[in-house]
Amino acid sequence: MTSSVGRNPAAIDELAALAEEFALPVVQSEARDFNLPTNHSMHVGFEPASLLAKADVVIVLESAVPWIPGAHSPRPDAKVITSRAIRWRAGFRSARSRRTCWSPASAGRARHAASMPGRSRQTAKNGSAAARRKTIAAAREEIAARRKKLIDTVKDQTPVHPAWLAHCLNQVKSENAIVSASSAYRSPVST
């Protein structure tokens, strides 16, 4: 899980390589930066709830609040590894971390990889990694189906629904373009 790995552009490639090598699904929870291309085979969206409930290990890279414990949390027996302090001390939040590595995400990749069982590339390609790749591919297909259903549902809405607008922008932008949105919208004042 990450929100801000992309603040360091080199870390984007590091995260992509780590995720690919070990078949790790990546959730961009409360994404603040571009962290992993959405077409990357390990990108599984922006909502952590369904994956947190299944994960036996959760690696949190550069995310101050990767989930709200009152809404959803990892399994009680899940190992949580973080790359920075998580803001759990607030009254409505509570969670635990088995290990905290104080390092930027790009430098921390080697530490996180070394702390994982089956450290070699050969082991990363074993049956468990292959099974994860299939599960992740199925999750990506489900996300795509939900997105398509939403787009079909909202395409004729007025005002324009954000999902339809994003779909339209994706149809006309170049492949490597990054679209940035502003929240400076002001509602018209009635007279």
N, C-alpha and C. Protein backbone atom coordinates (compact mmCIF):
# COMPACT_ATOMS: atom_id res chain seq x y z
N MET A 1 0.85 -1.17 0.00
CA MET A 1 0.00 0.00 0.00
C MET A 1 0.89 1.22 0.00
N THR A 2 0.45 2.22 -0.76
CA THR A 2 1.21 3.46 -0.81
C THR A 2 0.27 4.62 -1.11
N SER A 3 0.71 5.80 -0.72
CA SER A 3 0.03 7.04 -1.07
C SER A 3 0.99 7.99 -1.77
N SER A 4 2.28 7.95 -1.37
CA SER A 4 3.21 8.99 -1.80
C SER A 4 4.57 8.49 -2.24
N VAL A 5 4.72 7.24 -2.63
CA VAL A 5 6.01 6.76 -3.12
C VAL A 5 6.50 7.63 -4.27
N GLY A 6 5.58 8.08 -5.12
CA GLY A 6 5.94 8.82 -6.31
C GLY A 6 6.53 10.19 -6.09
N ARG A 7 6.59 10.66 -4.86
CA ARG A 7 7.27 11.95 -4.61
C ARG A 7 8.72 11.87 -5.00
N ASN A 8 9.27 10.67 -4.93
CA ASN A 8 10.61 10.42 -5.42
C ASN A 8 10.45 9.65 -6.73
N PRO A 9 10.66 10.29 -7.89
CA PRO A 9 10.40 9.62 -9.16
C PRO A 9 11.12 8.28 -9.32
N ALA A 10 12.32 8.13 -8.75
CA ALA A 10 13.04 6.86 -8.86
C ALA A 10 12.30 5.75 -8.11
N ALA A 11 11.55 6.12 -7.10
CA ALA A 11 10.85 5.13 -6.29
C ALA A 11 9.70 4.47 -7.05
N ILE A 12 9.18 5.14 -8.08
CA ILE A 12 8.10 4.55 -8.88
C ILE A 12 8.61 3.28 -9.54
N ASP A 13 9.78 3.35 -10.15
CA ASP A 13 10.36 2.16 -10.79
C ASP A 13 10.74 1.11 -9.75
N GLU A 14 11.21 1.55 -8.59
CA GLU A 14 11.56 0.61 -7.52
C GLU A 14 10.32 -0.15 -7.05
N LEU A 15 9.22 0.57 -6.86
CA LEU A 15 7.98 -0.07 -6.44
C LEU A 15 7.48 -1.04 -7.50
N ALA A 16 7.53 -0.62 -8.76
CA ALA A 16 7.10 -1.49 -9.86
C ALA A 16 7.94 -2.77 -9.90
N ALA A 17 9.24 -2.64 -9.72
CA ALA A 17 10.13 -3.81 -9.75
C ALA A 17 9.87 -4.73 -8.57
N LEU A 18 9.70 -4.16 -7.38
CA LEU A 18 9.41 -4.97 -6.19
C LEU A 18 8.11 -5.72 -6.36
N ALA A 19 7.08 -5.02 -6.81
CA ALA A 19 5.77 -5.64 -6.99
C ALA A 19 5.83 -6.75 -8.03
N GLU A 20 6.52 -6.51 -9.13
CA GLU A 20 6.61 -7.51 -10.20
C GLU A 20 7.43 -8.71 -9.75
N GLU A 21 8.57 -8.46 -9.11
CA GLU A 21 9.45 -9.55 -8.72
C GLU A 21 8.79 -10.52 -7.76
N PHE A 22 8.06 -9.99 -6.78
CA PHE A 22 7.48 -10.85 -5.75
C PHE A 22 5.97 -11.07 -5.94
N ALA A 23 5.41 -10.61 -7.05
CA ALA A 23 3.97 -10.74 -7.31
C ALA A 23 3.16 -10.15 -6.17
N LEU A 24 3.47 -8.89 -5.85
CA LEU A 24 2.80 -8.19 -4.76
C LEU A 24 1.76 -7.22 -5.31
N PRO A 25 0.50 -7.38 -4.92
CA PRO A 25 -0.51 -6.41 -5.37
C PRO A 25 -0.25 -5.06 -4.72
N VAL A 26 -0.46 -3.99 -5.46
CA VAL A 26 -0.23 -2.63 -4.96
C VAL A 26 -1.55 -1.88 -4.96
N VAL A 27 -1.93 -1.36 -3.79
CA VAL A 27 -3.11 -0.50 -3.64
C VAL A 27 -2.60 0.90 -3.40
N GLN A 28 -3.13 1.87 -4.14
CA GLN A 28 -2.77 3.27 -3.93
C GLN A 28 -3.87 3.90 -3.09
N SER A 29 -3.82 3.69 -1.81
CA SER A 29 -4.84 4.19 -0.90
C SER A 29 -4.61 5.69 -0.64
N GLU A 30 -5.65 6.48 -0.85
CA GLU A 30 -5.54 7.93 -0.65
C GLU A 30 -4.31 8.48 -1.38
N ALA A 31 -4.16 8.11 -2.64
CA ALA A 31 -2.98 8.49 -3.42
C ALA A 31 -2.81 10.00 -3.48
N ARG A 32 -1.63 10.43 -3.14
CA ARG A 32 -1.28 11.85 -3.18
C ARG A 32 -0.37 12.15 -4.36
N ASP A 33 0.22 11.09 -4.91
CA ASP A 33 1.18 11.22 -6.00
C ASP A 33 0.95 10.09 -6.98
N PHE A 34 1.58 10.20 -8.15
CA PHE A 34 1.60 9.11 -9.11
C PHE A 34 2.59 8.09 -8.57
N ASN A 35 2.12 6.90 -8.21
CA ASN A 35 2.96 5.91 -7.54
C ASN A 35 3.27 4.68 -8.38
N LEU A 36 2.29 4.25 -9.18
CA LEU A 36 2.44 3.06 -10.01
C LEU A 36 1.44 3.20 -11.15
N PRO A 37 1.87 2.96 -12.38
CA PRO A 37 0.93 3.08 -13.49
C PRO A 37 -0.27 2.15 -13.29
N THR A 38 -1.45 2.63 -13.62
CA THR A 38 -2.65 1.82 -13.43
C THR A 38 -2.68 0.62 -14.37
N ASN A 39 -1.87 0.64 -15.43
CA ASN A 39 -1.82 -0.52 -16.32
C ASN A 39 -0.75 -1.53 -15.91
N HIS A 40 -0.07 -1.28 -14.80
CA HIS A 40 0.93 -2.24 -14.29
C HIS A 40 0.18 -3.48 -13.80
N SER A 41 0.72 -4.64 -14.09
CA SER A 41 0.02 -5.90 -13.78
C SER A 41 -0.22 -6.12 -12.29
N MET A 42 0.48 -5.40 -11.42
CA MET A 42 0.30 -5.57 -9.98
C MET A 42 -0.54 -4.45 -9.36
N HIS A 43 -0.95 -3.47 -10.16
CA HIS A 43 -1.80 -2.38 -9.65
C HIS A 43 -3.21 -2.92 -9.46
N VAL A 44 -3.73 -2.81 -8.22
CA VAL A 44 -5.07 -3.33 -7.94
C VAL A 44 -6.00 -2.25 -7.40
N GLY A 45 -5.81 -1.04 -7.85
CA GLY A 45 -6.77 -0.01 -7.55
C GLY A 45 -6.41 0.88 -6.37
N PHE A 46 -7.47 1.48 -5.83
CA PHE A 46 -7.31 2.53 -4.84
C PHE A 46 -8.05 2.24 -3.54
N GLU A 47 -8.73 1.12 -3.46
CA GLU A 47 -9.52 0.76 -2.28
C GLU A 47 -8.89 -0.43 -1.58
N PRO A 48 -8.45 -0.26 -0.33
CA PRO A 48 -7.74 -1.34 0.35
C PRO A 48 -8.62 -2.40 1.02
N ALA A 49 -9.89 -2.17 1.20
CA ALA A 49 -10.73 -3.01 2.05
C ALA A 49 -10.67 -4.50 1.72
N SER A 50 -10.93 -4.87 0.48
CA SER A 50 -11.02 -6.30 0.16
C SER A 50 -9.67 -7.00 0.29
N LEU A 51 -8.59 -6.34 -0.06
CA LEU A 51 -7.28 -6.98 0.05
C LEU A 51 -6.79 -7.05 1.48
N LEU A 52 -7.08 -6.04 2.28
CA LEU A 52 -6.65 -6.06 3.68
C LEU A 52 -7.24 -7.26 4.42
N ALA A 53 -8.46 -7.58 4.12
CA ALA A 53 -9.13 -8.69 4.80
C ALA A 53 -8.48 -10.04 4.48
N LYS A 54 -7.75 -10.13 3.37
CA LYS A 54 -7.15 -11.40 2.93
C LYS A 54 -5.65 -11.47 3.18
N ALA A 55 -4.98 -10.34 3.35
CA ALA A 55 -3.51 -10.30 3.37
C ALA A 55 -2.92 -10.91 4.62
N ASP A 56 -1.85 -11.70 4.44
CA ASP A 56 -1.11 -12.19 5.59
C ASP A 56 0.07 -11.28 5.91
N VAL A 57 0.51 -10.48 4.92
CA VAL A 57 1.55 -9.47 5.11
C VAL A 57 1.09 -8.20 4.41
N VAL A 58 1.23 -7.06 5.09
CA VAL A 58 0.90 -5.78 4.49
C VAL A 58 2.16 -4.91 4.58
N ILE A 59 2.66 -4.48 3.43
CA ILE A 59 3.81 -3.58 3.39
C ILE A 59 3.26 -2.20 3.06
N VAL A 60 3.51 -1.25 3.94
CA VAL A 60 3.03 0.12 3.76
C VAL A 60 4.24 0.99 3.43
N LEU A 61 4.26 1.53 2.21
CA LEU A 61 5.35 2.40 1.78
C LEU A 61 4.83 3.82 1.61
N GLU A 62 5.40 4.74 2.36
CA GLU A 62 5.09 6.16 2.21
C GLU A 62 3.59 6.43 2.21
N SER A 63 2.95 6.08 3.30
CA SER A 63 1.53 6.34 3.46
C SER A 63 1.26 6.60 4.93
N ALA A 64 0.89 7.82 5.26
CA ALA A 64 0.65 8.17 6.66
C ALA A 64 -0.61 7.51 7.20
N VAL A 65 -1.63 7.38 6.36
CA VAL A 65 -2.89 6.76 6.79
C VAL A 65 -3.34 5.81 5.67
N PRO A 66 -2.80 4.58 5.63
CA PRO A 66 -3.12 3.68 4.53
C PRO A 66 -4.55 3.11 4.60
N TRP A 67 -5.12 3.08 5.78
CA TRP A 67 -6.52 2.66 5.96
C TRP A 67 -7.03 3.25 7.26
N ILE A 68 -8.33 3.34 7.38
CA ILE A 68 -8.96 3.82 8.62
C ILE A 68 -9.42 2.58 9.38
N PRO A 69 -8.78 2.26 10.50
CA PRO A 69 -9.10 1.02 11.20
C PRO A 69 -10.57 0.84 11.56
N GLY A 70 -11.31 1.90 11.81
CA GLY A 70 -12.72 1.76 12.11
C GLY A 70 -13.53 1.28 10.91
N ALA A 71 -13.00 1.50 9.70
CA ALA A 71 -13.70 1.09 8.48
C ALA A 71 -13.24 -0.28 7.99
N HIS A 72 -11.94 -0.52 8.00
CA HIS A 72 -11.37 -1.80 7.59
C HIS A 72 -9.93 -1.87 8.08
N SER A 73 -9.48 -3.07 8.35
CA SER A 73 -8.14 -3.30 8.87
C SER A 73 -7.62 -4.64 8.38
N PRO A 74 -6.30 -4.85 8.51
CA PRO A 74 -5.76 -6.17 8.18
C PRO A 74 -6.27 -7.22 9.18
N ARG A 75 -6.12 -8.47 8.80
CA ARG A 75 -6.45 -9.56 9.71
C ARG A 75 -5.62 -9.40 10.99
N PRO A 76 -6.14 -9.87 12.12
CA PRO A 76 -5.38 -9.75 13.37
C PRO A 76 -4.01 -10.44 13.33
N ASP A 77 -3.88 -11.51 12.56
CA ASP A 77 -2.61 -12.23 12.49
C ASP A 77 -1.70 -11.74 11.35
N ALA A 78 -2.12 -10.72 10.62
CA ALA A 78 -1.32 -10.20 9.51
C ALA A 78 -0.09 -9.45 10.03
N LYS A 79 1.01 -9.59 9.31
CA LYS A 79 2.23 -8.85 9.63
C LYS A 79 2.17 -7.53 8.88
N VAL A 80 2.37 -6.43 9.59
CA VAL A 80 2.35 -5.10 8.97
C VAL A 80 3.76 -4.53 9.05
N ILE A 81 4.30 -4.18 7.88
CA ILE A 81 5.65 -3.62 7.78
C ILE A 81 5.50 -2.24 7.16
N THR A 82 6.09 -1.23 7.80
CA THR A 82 5.94 0.13 7.31
C THR A 82 7.30 0.76 7.00
N SER A 83 7.30 1.73 6.10
CA SER A 83 8.53 2.44 5.75
C SER A 83 8.63 3.79 6.44
N ARG A 84 7.60 4.15 7.16
CA ARG A 84 7.62 5.43 7.88
C ARG A 84 6.57 5.37 8.97
N ALA A 85 6.59 6.36 9.83
CA ALA A 85 5.61 6.41 10.90
C ALA A 85 4.21 6.54 10.33
N ILE A 86 3.30 5.80 10.88
CA ILE A 86 1.91 5.90 10.47
C ILE A 86 1.18 6.65 11.59
N ARG A 87 0.28 7.52 11.23
CA ARG A 87 -0.42 8.35 12.21
C ARG A 87 -1.55 7.58 12.89
N TRP A 88 -1.17 6.62 13.73
CA TRP A 88 -2.18 5.80 14.41
C TRP A 88 -2.51 6.34 15.79
N ARG A 89 -1.83 7.33 16.27
CA ARG A 89 -2.02 7.77 17.64
C ARG A 89 -3.29 8.60 17.85
N ALA A 90 -3.90 9.05 16.79
CA ALA A 90 -5.14 9.82 16.92
C ALA A 90 -6.21 8.93 17.55
N GLY A 91 -7.12 9.51 18.29
CA GLY A 91 -8.09 8.76 19.07
C GLY A 91 -8.94 7.78 18.30
N PHE A 92 -9.29 8.07 17.07
CA PHE A 92 -10.18 7.18 16.34
C PHE A 92 -9.41 6.15 15.50
N ARG A 93 -8.11 6.14 15.61
CA ARG A 93 -7.31 5.19 14.85
C ARG A 93 -6.53 4.29 15.80
N SER A 94 -6.42 3.04 15.42
CA SER A 94 -5.57 2.14 16.18
C SER A 94 -5.10 1.03 15.25
N ALA A 95 -3.79 0.76 15.27
CA ALA A 95 -3.23 -0.32 14.47
C ALA A 95 -1.86 -0.63 15.02
N ARG A 96 -1.27 -1.69 14.49
CA ARG A 96 0.04 -2.07 14.94
C ARG A 96 0.92 -2.33 13.74
N SER A 97 2.22 -2.18 13.96
CA SER A 97 3.19 -2.48 12.92
C SER A 97 4.20 -3.44 13.51
N ARG A 98 4.45 -4.54 12.81
CA ARG A 98 5.42 -5.50 13.31
C ARG A 98 6.83 -4.97 13.12
N ARG A 99 7.05 -4.23 12.04
CA ARG A 99 8.38 -3.72 11.75
C ARG A 99 8.25 -2.36 11.08
N THR A 100 9.04 -1.40 11.52
CA THR A 100 9.10 -0.10 10.86
C THR A 100 10.51 0.13 10.39
N CYS A 101 10.67 0.39 9.11
CA CYS A 101 11.98 0.65 8.51
C CYS A 101 12.03 2.14 8.19
N TRP A 102 12.88 2.87 8.84
CA TRP A 102 12.97 4.32 8.65
C TRP A 102 13.87 4.61 7.46
N SER A 103 13.27 4.62 6.28
CA SER A 103 14.04 4.90 5.08
C SER A 103 13.09 5.33 3.98
N PRO A 104 13.58 6.12 3.02
CA PRO A 104 12.74 6.45 1.87
C PRO A 104 12.39 5.16 1.14
N ALA A 105 11.27 5.16 0.47
CA ALA A 105 10.79 3.94 -0.19
C ALA A 105 11.79 3.40 -1.19
N SER A 106 12.47 4.27 -1.97
CA SER A 106 13.39 3.75 -2.98
C SER A 106 14.57 3.04 -2.33
N ALA A 107 15.12 3.60 -1.26
CA ALA A 107 16.22 2.95 -0.56
C ALA A 107 15.71 1.77 0.24
N GLY A 108 14.48 1.82 0.66
CA GLY A 108 13.91 0.76 1.49
C GLY A 108 13.56 -0.49 0.72
N ARG A 109 13.52 -0.43 -0.60
CA ARG A 109 13.13 -1.61 -1.38
C ARG A 109 14.00 -2.81 -1.04
N ALA A 110 15.30 -2.61 -1.00
CA ALA A 110 16.18 -3.73 -0.71
C ALA A 110 15.93 -4.28 0.69
N ARG A 111 15.69 -3.40 1.64
CA ARG A 111 15.41 -3.86 3.00
C ARG A 111 14.12 -4.67 3.05
N HIS A 112 13.08 -4.16 2.40
CA HIS A 112 11.81 -4.89 2.41
C HIS A 112 11.95 -6.23 1.69
N ALA A 113 12.64 -6.24 0.56
CA ALA A 113 12.81 -7.49 -0.18
C ALA A 113 13.63 -8.48 0.63
N ALA A 114 14.66 -8.00 1.31
CA ALA A 114 15.51 -8.89 2.10
C ALA A 114 14.77 -9.45 3.30
N SER A 115 13.77 -8.75 3.80
CA SER A 115 13.05 -9.22 4.97
C SER A 115 11.94 -10.19 4.62
N MET A 116 11.71 -10.39 3.32
CA MET A 116 10.63 -11.27 2.89
C MET A 116 11.12 -12.70 2.79
N PRO A 117 10.24 -13.66 3.10
CA PRO A 117 10.63 -15.06 2.89
C PRO A 117 10.86 -15.30 1.40
N GLY A 118 11.78 -16.19 1.05
CA GLY A 118 12.03 -16.50 -0.35
C GLY A 118 12.61 -15.33 -1.07
N ARG A 119 13.81 -14.92 -0.71
CA ARG A 119 14.37 -13.68 -1.19
C ARG A 119 14.82 -13.70 -2.65
N SER A 120 15.12 -14.83 -3.20
CA SER A 120 15.69 -14.85 -4.55
C SER A 120 14.61 -14.73 -5.62
N ARG A 121 15.03 -14.30 -6.79
CA ARG A 121 14.10 -14.23 -7.92
C ARG A 121 13.55 -15.61 -8.23
N GLN A 122 14.39 -16.63 -8.09
CA GLN A 122 13.94 -17.99 -8.36
C GLN A 122 12.78 -18.35 -7.44
N THR A 123 12.92 -18.05 -6.15
CA THR A 123 11.87 -18.36 -5.20
C THR A 123 10.65 -17.50 -5.46
N ALA A 124 10.86 -16.25 -5.90
CA ALA A 124 9.73 -15.36 -6.17
C ALA A 124 8.85 -15.90 -7.28
N LYS A 125 9.40 -16.77 -8.11
CA LYS A 125 8.62 -17.32 -9.23
C LYS A 125 8.03 -18.69 -8.89
N ASN A 126 8.06 -19.07 -7.62
CA ASN A 126 7.53 -20.37 -7.24
C ASN A 126 6.01 -20.39 -7.29
N GLY A 127 5.42 -21.48 -6.83
CA GLY A 127 3.97 -21.65 -6.92
C GLY A 127 3.17 -20.58 -6.22
N SER A 128 3.62 -20.10 -5.05
CA SER A 128 2.83 -19.09 -4.34
C SER A 128 2.80 -17.77 -5.11
N ALA A 129 3.92 -17.42 -5.75
CA ALA A 129 3.93 -16.19 -6.55
C ALA A 129 3.03 -16.36 -7.77
N ALA A 130 3.06 -17.53 -8.38
CA ALA A 130 2.20 -17.79 -9.54
C ALA A 130 0.73 -17.72 -9.15
N ALA A 131 0.41 -18.27 -7.99
CA ALA A 131 -0.98 -18.21 -7.50
C ALA A 131 -1.39 -16.77 -7.24
N ARG A 132 -0.48 -15.96 -6.66
CA ARG A 132 -0.79 -14.55 -6.42
C ARG A 132 -1.01 -13.82 -7.74
N ARG A 133 -0.20 -14.12 -8.74
CA ARG A 133 -0.37 -13.46 -10.04
C ARG A 133 -1.76 -13.75 -10.62
N LYS A 134 -2.23 -14.98 -10.48
CA LYS A 134 -3.57 -15.33 -10.97
C LYS A 134 -4.64 -14.59 -10.18
N THR A 135 -4.48 -14.54 -8.86
CA THR A 135 -5.44 -13.84 -8.02
C THR A 135 -5.47 -12.36 -8.34
N ILE A 136 -4.30 -11.78 -8.55
CA ILE A 136 -4.21 -10.35 -8.87
C ILE A 136 -4.82 -10.08 -10.24
N ALA A 137 -4.56 -10.95 -11.20
CA ALA A 137 -5.15 -10.78 -12.53
C ALA A 137 -6.68 -10.82 -12.44
N ALA A 138 -7.20 -11.73 -11.64
CA ALA A 138 -8.67 -11.81 -11.46
C ALA A 138 -9.19 -10.55 -10.78
N ALA A 139 -8.47 -10.03 -9.80
CA ALA A 139 -8.88 -8.79 -9.12
C ALA A 139 -8.88 -7.63 -10.10
N ARG A 140 -7.87 -7.56 -10.97
CA ARG A 140 -7.81 -6.49 -11.97
C ARG A 140 -8.98 -6.59 -12.96
N GLU A 141 -9.34 -7.81 -13.33
CA GLU A 141 -10.49 -8.00 -14.23
C GLU A 141 -11.78 -7.55 -13.55
N GLU A 142 -11.92 -7.85 -12.27
CA GLU A 142 -13.11 -7.43 -11.53
C GLU A 142 -13.18 -5.91 -11.43
N ILE A 143 -12.05 -5.28 -11.17
CA ILE A 143 -12.00 -3.82 -11.09
C ILE A 143 -12.39 -3.22 -12.44
N ALA A 144 -11.86 -3.78 -13.53
CA ALA A 144 -12.18 -3.28 -14.88
C ALA A 144 -13.66 -3.45 -15.18
N ALA A 145 -14.25 -4.57 -14.77
CA ALA A 145 -15.68 -4.81 -15.01
C ALA A 145 -16.53 -3.81 -14.23
N ARG A 146 -16.15 -3.55 -12.97
CA ARG A 146 -16.89 -2.56 -12.17
C ARG A 146 -16.77 -1.18 -12.78
N ARG A 147 -15.57 -0.83 -13.26
CA ARG A 147 -15.37 0.48 -13.89
C ARG A 147 -16.22 0.60 -15.14
N LYS A 148 -16.24 -0.46 -15.98
CA LYS A 148 -17.04 -0.43 -17.20
C LYS A 148 -18.52 -0.28 -16.88
N LYS A 149 -18.99 -1.00 -15.88
CA LYS A 149 -20.39 -0.90 -15.48
C LYS A 149 -20.72 0.51 -15.00
N LEU A 150 -19.83 1.09 -14.20
CA LEU A 150 -20.04 2.46 -13.72
C LEU A 150 -20.09 3.44 -14.89
N ILE A 151 -19.15 3.31 -15.82
CA ILE A 151 -19.10 4.22 -16.97
C ILE A 151 -20.38 4.10 -17.79
N ASP A 152 -20.83 2.88 -18.03
CA ASP A 152 -22.08 2.67 -18.79
C ASP A 152 -23.28 3.28 -18.07
N THR A 153 -23.26 3.24 -16.73
CA THR A 153 -24.36 3.77 -15.94
C THR A 153 -24.40 5.29 -15.93
N VAL A 154 -23.23 5.94 -15.91
CA VAL A 154 -23.18 7.39 -15.71
C VAL A 154 -22.93 8.20 -16.97
N LYS A 155 -22.76 7.57 -18.11
CA LYS A 155 -22.33 8.30 -19.31
C LYS A 155 -23.30 9.38 -19.77
N ASP A 156 -24.57 9.28 -19.44
CA ASP A 156 -25.54 10.28 -19.88
C ASP A 156 -25.99 11.21 -18.75
N GLN A 157 -25.32 11.15 -17.59
CA GLN A 157 -25.73 11.98 -16.46
C GLN A 157 -25.37 13.44 -16.68
N THR A 158 -26.19 14.28 -16.09
CA THR A 158 -25.92 15.71 -16.04
C THR A 158 -26.05 16.15 -14.60
N PRO A 159 -25.06 16.82 -14.05
CA PRO A 159 -23.78 17.19 -14.66
C PRO A 159 -22.93 15.95 -14.94
N VAL A 160 -21.85 16.18 -15.65
CA VAL A 160 -20.96 15.09 -16.04
C VAL A 160 -20.40 14.41 -14.80
N HIS A 161 -20.50 13.09 -14.77
CA HIS A 161 -19.96 12.30 -13.67
C HIS A 161 -18.43 12.22 -13.81
N PRO A 162 -17.66 12.29 -12.73
CA PRO A 162 -16.20 12.22 -12.82
C PRO A 162 -15.69 10.95 -13.51
N ALA A 163 -16.37 9.82 -13.33
CA ALA A 163 -15.92 8.59 -13.98
C ALA A 163 -16.06 8.69 -15.50
N TRP A 164 -17.13 9.34 -15.96
CA TRP A 164 -17.32 9.51 -17.41
C TRP A 164 -16.29 10.49 -17.96
N LEU A 165 -16.03 11.56 -17.23
CA LEU A 165 -15.03 12.54 -17.64
C LEU A 165 -13.65 11.87 -17.75
N ALA A 166 -13.29 11.07 -16.74
CA ALA A 166 -12.00 10.37 -16.77
C ALA A 166 -11.94 9.42 -17.96
N HIS A 167 -13.03 8.71 -18.22
CA HIS A 167 -13.08 7.80 -19.37
C HIS A 167 -12.85 8.57 -20.68
N CYS A 168 -13.51 9.69 -20.83
CA CYS A 168 -13.36 10.50 -22.04
C CYS A 168 -11.94 11.03 -22.19
N LEU A 169 -11.36 11.50 -21.10
CA LEU A 169 -9.97 11.98 -21.15
C LEU A 169 -9.03 10.85 -21.55
N ASN A 170 -9.27 9.66 -21.02
CA ASN A 170 -8.43 8.52 -21.36
C ASN A 170 -8.52 8.16 -22.84
N GLN A 171 -9.64 8.46 -23.48
CA GLN A 171 -9.81 8.16 -24.90
C GLN A 171 -9.01 9.11 -25.79
N VAL A 172 -8.74 10.33 -25.32
CA VAL A 172 -8.09 11.32 -26.19
C VAL A 172 -6.66 11.67 -25.79
N LYS A 173 -6.25 11.37 -24.58
CA LYS A 173 -4.89 11.74 -24.16
C LYS A 173 -3.87 10.77 -24.74
N SER A 174 -2.63 11.22 -24.82
CA SER A 174 -1.58 10.33 -25.30
C SER A 174 -1.29 9.28 -24.23
N GLU A 175 -0.66 8.20 -24.65
CA GLU A 175 -0.44 7.06 -23.76
C GLU A 175 0.35 7.42 -22.51
N ASN A 176 1.32 8.29 -22.63
CA ASN A 176 2.18 8.63 -21.49
C ASN A 176 1.78 9.90 -20.77
N ALA A 177 0.64 10.47 -21.11
CA ALA A 177 0.19 11.71 -20.47
C ALA A 177 -0.25 11.43 -19.04
N ILE A 178 -0.06 12.41 -18.19
CA ILE A 178 -0.56 12.38 -16.82
C ILE A 178 -1.50 13.57 -16.69
N VAL A 179 -2.72 13.31 -16.27
CA VAL A 179 -3.72 14.36 -16.13
C VAL A 179 -3.81 14.72 -14.65
N SER A 180 -3.71 15.99 -14.37
CA SER A 180 -3.81 16.47 -13.00
C SER A 180 -5.08 17.29 -12.86
N ALA A 181 -5.82 17.05 -11.81
CA ALA A 181 -7.08 17.77 -11.60
C ALA A 181 -6.94 18.71 -10.42
N SER A 182 -7.70 19.78 -10.46
CA SER A 182 -7.72 20.75 -9.38
C SER A 182 -9.07 20.71 -8.70
N SER A 183 -9.08 20.97 -7.42
CA SER A 183 -10.35 20.99 -6.70
C SER A 183 -10.82 22.44 -6.49
N ALA A 184 -10.45 23.30 -7.40
CA ALA A 184 -10.79 24.72 -7.27
C ALA A 184 -12.15 25.06 -7.85
N TYR A 185 -13.00 24.07 -8.06
CA TYR A 185 -14.32 24.29 -8.64
C TYR A 185 -15.15 25.16 -7.69
N ARG A 186 -15.85 26.12 -8.26
CA ARG A 186 -16.76 26.95 -7.46
C ARG A 186 -18.16 26.83 -8.05
N SER A 187 -19.09 26.58 -7.20
CA SER A 187 -20.47 26.46 -7.62
C SER A 187 -21.00 27.85 -8.01
N PRO A 188 -21.79 27.93 -9.09
CA PRO A 188 -22.34 29.24 -9.46
C PRO A 188 -23.31 29.74 -8.37
N VAL A 189 -23.26 31.01 -8.16
CA VAL A 189 -24.13 31.63 -7.15
C VAL A 189 -25.46 31.97 -7.80
N SER A 190 -26.58 31.55 -7.17
CA SER A 190 -27.90 31.91 -7.73
C SER A 190 -28.26 33.33 -7.36
N THR A 191 -28.95 33.94 -8.25
CA THR A 191 -29.39 35.33 -7.98
C THR A 191 -30.89 35.40 -7.91
